[in-house]
C-alpha cells in the first residue's frame, strides 16, 4: 500500500535530502554542486538554519561576504544561540571592514562559547583595526591562555606591543613564535625591528642574518641598510 506524505512533510524530507547532498558535495570539494543543492533545499524550506549557514560558508569561500552576512542574519534570527553563525558573521563583517559590527557579533559568540580561542583572536583583530590596541592585546591574552600554541596570536600580540612602544614585550612574544616555528623568517624581521628601535643594533643584525639564512630577500635589503 502506497502511503502519501502530507505536502509540508514531503517538502521537509526533500529539503533534508538536498541539504545532505550539499554537505556531501562540500566535503568532497565541489562547492558548485554544493551550492546548487543547498539552493534547492532553501527553496523548499526557507527557514532551514543549517542550510542557510552552509550557504553562507560557501558564499564566504567565493568572497561574497555581503551575501553571506544576509544569510547569517536569517540564521541568528531563527536561532539566537547559534554560536557558529555569530562567529562567522563577525568574521565576515571584518572582511568588509565593518569592525564595530564584527566586534559586536564576536562578543555575542564569546558569550555563547568563551573557550573558542579564534573568537578572541578575531575580535582582537577588529579592535586593532580601530586602533584599540590595549583592548586587542587583552583579547589576545585570552586567546593565548586558551591555546598556548596559537602562533598568530603570539605574533599579533608582539606586533601590537611593538606599535605601542613596548619593545621588550614585543620581543618576548616574537621569541615565543620562534620557539613554536623556528623557520618563520618574518618573525625574525619583526624581532629585528623591535630590537633596532630599542637600540639593540647588534641583536637586530643577528636576527636579520638569521632571516637571510631562511631565505628572506627583505632581510638582505635591511642588512645592506642597517648592518654595514
Protein backbone atom coordinates (compact mmCIF):
# COMPACT_ATOMS: atom_id res chain seq x y z
CA UNK A 1 0.00 0.00 0.00
CA UNK A 2 1.45 3.36 -1.04
CA UNK A 3 1.33 5.93 1.75
CA UNK A 4 1.34 9.54 0.58
CA UNK A 5 3.19 12.02 2.79
CA UNK A 6 1.43 15.33 3.58
CA UNK A 7 2.74 18.18 1.42
CA UNK A 8 4.59 20.02 4.21
CA UNK A 9 6.24 16.85 5.50
CA UNK A 10 7.22 15.86 1.96
CA UNK A 11 8.88 19.26 1.44
CA UNK A 12 10.78 18.90 4.70
CA UNK A 13 12.02 15.44 3.83
CA UNK A 14 13.05 16.54 0.33
CA UNK A 15 14.77 19.65 1.72
CA UNK A 16 16.73 17.49 4.14
CA UNK A 17 17.83 15.26 1.27
CA UNK A 18 19.09 18.27 -0.72
CA UNK A 19 20.91 19.51 2.39
CA UNK A 20 22.59 16.14 2.90
CA UNK A 21 23.74 16.14 -0.73
CA UNK A 22 25.01 19.71 -0.35
CA UNK A 23 27.08 18.66 2.67
CA UNK A 24 28.49 15.70 0.76
CA UNK A 25 29.49 17.89 -2.20
CA UNK A 26 31.03 20.46 0.13
CA UNK A 27 33.10 17.82 1.92
CA UNK A 28 34.15 16.41 -1.45
CA UNK A 29 35.46 19.83 -2.53
CA UNK A 30 32.75 20.62 -5.08
CA UNK A 31 31.29 23.99 -3.99
CA UNK A 32 29.34 24.50 -7.23
CA UNK A 33 27.22 21.38 -6.77
CA UNK A 34 27.02 22.06 -3.04
CA UNK A 35 25.54 25.49 -3.74
CA UNK A 36 23.07 24.05 -6.26
CA UNK A 37 21.81 21.54 -3.71
CA UNK A 38 21.59 23.99 -0.82
CA UNK A 39 19.66 26.45 -3.00
CA UNK A 40 17.17 23.69 -3.83
CA UNK A 41 16.92 22.92 -0.15
CA UNK A 42 16.13 26.52 0.75
CA UNK A 43 13.52 26.82 -1.99
CA UNK A 44 11.62 24.08 -0.18
CA UNK A 45 12.37 25.21 3.37
CA UNK A 46 13.47 28.83 3.60
CA UNK A 47 13.91 28.71 7.39
CA UNK A 48 16.34 25.77 7.42
CA UNK A 49 19.02 27.36 9.62
CA UNK A 50 21.76 24.80 8.98
CA UNK A 51 21.26 25.13 5.22
CA UNK A 52 21.44 28.93 5.45
CA UNK A 53 24.63 28.58 7.45
CA UNK A 54 26.12 26.20 4.87
CA UNK A 55 25.24 28.57 2.04
CA UNK A 56 26.86 31.44 3.94
CA UNK A 57 30.06 29.41 4.24
CA UNK A 58 30.02 28.66 0.52
CA UNK A 59 29.47 32.36 -0.21
CA UNK A 60 32.37 33.34 2.05
CA UNK A 61 34.61 30.91 0.19
CA UNK A 62 33.74 32.81 -3.02
CA UNK A 63 34.43 36.16 -1.39
CA UNK A 64 30.72 37.08 -1.41
CA UNK A 65 30.73 38.34 2.17
CA UNK A 66 27.67 40.60 1.95
CA UNK A 67 25.54 37.75 0.63
CA UNK A 68 26.87 35.53 3.40
CA UNK A 69 26.01 38.15 6.02
CA UNK A 70 22.42 38.29 4.74
CA UNK A 71 22.09 34.54 5.17
CA UNK A 72 23.67 34.68 8.62
CA UNK A 73 21.24 37.49 9.56
CA UNK A 74 18.45 34.99 8.95
CA UNK A 75 20.22 32.27 10.92
CA UNK A 76 20.63 34.34 14.09
CA UNK A 77 17.01 35.49 13.87
CA UNK A 78 15.92 31.86 13.72
CA UNK A 79 18.32 30.69 16.42
CA UNK A 80 19.83 33.25 18.81
CA UNK A 81 22.10 30.58 20.30
CA UNK A 82 23.73 29.53 17.02
CA UNK A 83 27.37 30.13 18.01
CA UNK A 84 28.90 29.39 14.61
CA UNK A 85 26.56 31.86 12.90
CA UNK A 86 27.54 34.69 15.26
CA UNK A 87 31.21 33.81 14.90
CA UNK A 88 31.19 33.64 11.10
CA UNK A 89 29.07 36.77 10.74
CA UNK A 90 31.59 38.58 12.93
CA UNK A 91 34.42 37.28 10.77
CA UNK A 92 32.58 38.18 7.55
CA UNK A 93 31.84 41.70 8.79
CA UNK A 94 35.57 42.22 9.32
CA UNK A 95 36.18 41.24 5.68
CA UNK A 96 34.05 44.20 4.55
CA UNK A 97 35.73 46.45 7.16
CA UNK A 98 32.67 46.68 9.41
CA UNK A 99 34.84 46.40 12.52
CA UNK A 100 32.26 47.67 15.06
CA UNK A 101 29.77 45.12 13.71
CA UNK A 102 32.43 42.44 13.81
CA UNK A 103 33.22 43.19 17.46
CA UNK A 104 29.52 43.07 18.37
CA UNK A 105 28.98 39.68 16.72
CA UNK A 106 32.17 38.16 18.07
CA UNK A 107 31.29 39.40 21.56
CA UNK A 108 27.99 37.52 21.28
CA UNK A 109 29.87 34.43 20.08
CA UNK A 110 32.19 34.69 23.09
CA UNK A 111 29.16 34.95 25.39
CA UNK A 112 27.92 31.67 23.93
CA UNK A 113 31.31 29.94 23.97
CA UNK A 114 34.16 31.70 25.71
CA UNK A 115 36.55 28.79 25.22
CA UNK A 116 36.98 29.27 21.45
CA UNK A 117 40.37 30.95 21.05
CA UNK A 118 39.73 32.04 17.44
CA UNK A 119 36.77 34.18 18.50
CA UNK A 120 39.01 36.11 20.91
CA UNK A 121 41.71 36.38 18.25
CA UNK A 122 39.38 37.71 15.57
CA UNK A 123 37.81 40.20 17.97
CA UNK A 124 41.34 41.38 18.76
CA UNK A 125 41.97 41.93 15.04
CA UNK A 126 38.82 44.02 14.70
CA UNK A 127 39.76 46.10 17.74
CA UNK A 128 43.27 46.64 16.39
CA UNK A 129 41.90 47.96 13.09
CA UNK A 130 40.07 50.55 15.21
CA UNK A 131 43.41 51.26 16.94
CA UNK A 132 42.11 49.93 20.24
CA UNK A 133 45.44 48.26 20.91
CA UNK A 134 45.13 47.80 24.66
CA UNK A 135 41.79 46.00 24.28
CA UNK A 136 43.18 43.99 21.36
CA UNK A 137 46.11 42.83 23.47
CA UNK A 138 43.69 41.89 26.28
CA UNK A 139 41.76 39.65 23.87
CA UNK A 140 45.00 38.11 22.63
CA UNK A 141 45.97 37.37 26.23
CA UNK A 142 42.80 35.29 26.48
CA UNK A 143 43.37 33.59 23.11
CA UNK A 144 46.87 32.58 24.22
CA UNK A 145 45.59 31.40 27.59
CA UNK A 146 43.13 29.13 25.78
CA UNK A 147 45.68 27.98 23.18
CA UNK A 148 49.32 28.46 24.22
CA UNK A 149 50.48 27.21 20.80
CA UNK A 150 48.49 29.86 18.88
CA UNK A 151 51.29 31.26 16.71
CA UNK A 152 49.21 34.01 15.07
CA UNK A 153 48.11 35.28 18.48
CA UNK A 154 51.67 35.44 19.81
CA UNK A 155 52.84 37.20 16.63
CA UNK A 156 49.96 39.69 16.61
CA UNK A 157 50.37 40.48 20.29
CA UNK A 158 54.05 41.13 19.68
CA UNK A 159 53.23 43.36 16.74
CA UNK A 160 50.75 45.50 18.66
CA UNK A 161 53.08 45.74 21.65
CA UNK A 162 55.68 46.93 19.15
CA UNK A 163 53.31 49.59 17.80
CA UNK A 164 52.56 50.67 21.37
CA UNK A 165 56.29 51.16 22.10
CA UNK A 166 56.60 48.09 24.35
CA UNK A 167 59.63 46.72 22.50
CA UNK A 168 60.72 44.40 25.29
CA UNK A 169 57.26 42.86 25.48
CA UNK A 170 57.15 42.52 21.71
CA UNK A 171 60.50 40.74 21.63
CA UNK A 172 59.35 38.25 24.27
CA UNK A 173 56.27 37.41 22.18
CA UNK A 174 58.31 37.14 18.98
CA UNK A 175 60.71 34.78 20.75
CA UNK A 176 57.75 32.57 21.59
CA UNK A 177 56.85 32.48 17.89
CA UNK A 178 60.43 31.41 17.13
CA UNK A 179 60.12 28.66 19.73
CA UNK A 180 56.92 27.40 18.08
CA UNK A 181 58.06 27.98 14.47
CA UNK A 182 61.87 28.25 14.19
CA UNK A 183 61.77 28.69 10.40
CA UNK A 184 59.41 31.68 10.43
CA UNK A 185 61.59 34.27 8.71
CA UNK A 186 59.01 37.06 9.07
CA UNK A 187 59.17 36.92 12.85
CA UNK A 188 62.95 37.33 12.80
CA UNK A 189 62.48 40.52 10.78
CA UNK A 190 59.82 41.76 13.20
CA UNK A 191 62.04 40.93 16.15
CA UNK A 192 64.98 42.68 14.50
CA UNK A 193 62.86 45.79 14.04
CA UNK A 194 61.85 45.83 17.71
CA UNK A 195 65.46 45.37 18.80
CA UNK A 196 66.67 48.11 16.49
CA UNK A 197 64.04 50.53 17.83
CA UNK A 198 65.07 49.83 21.41
CA UNK A 199 68.72 50.46 20.49
CA UNK A 200 69.99 46.87 20.29
CA UNK A 201 71.52 47.17 16.82
CA UNK A 202 73.78 44.15 17.20
CA UNK A 203 70.86 41.94 18.23
CA UNK A 204 68.82 43.30 15.34
CA UNK A 205 71.54 42.41 12.84
CA UNK A 206 71.83 38.91 14.29
CA UNK A 207 68.10 38.37 13.66
CA UNK A 208 68.39 39.86 10.19
CA UNK A 209 71.16 37.41 9.35
CA UNK A 210 69.00 34.54 10.58
CA UNK A 211 66.17 35.71 8.34
CA UNK A 212 68.61 35.85 5.41
CA UNK A 213 69.67 32.27 6.15
CA UNK A 214 65.97 31.33 6.00
CA UNK A 215 65.68 32.86 2.51
CA UNK A 216 64.31 36.36 3.13
CA UNK A 217 65.15 38.87 0.39
CA UNK A 218 63.71 41.68 2.52
CA UNK A 219 66.18 40.81 5.28
CA UNK A 220 69.05 41.20 2.82
CA UNK A 221 67.80 44.71 1.98
CA UNK A 222 67.62 45.54 5.69
CA UNK A 223 71.13 44.25 6.24
CA UNK A 224 72.50 46.40 3.43
CA UNK A 225 70.81 49.43 5.01
CA UNK A 226 71.30 48.90 8.74
CA UNK A 227 74.10 46.40 9.29
CA UNK A 228 77.07 47.87 7.45
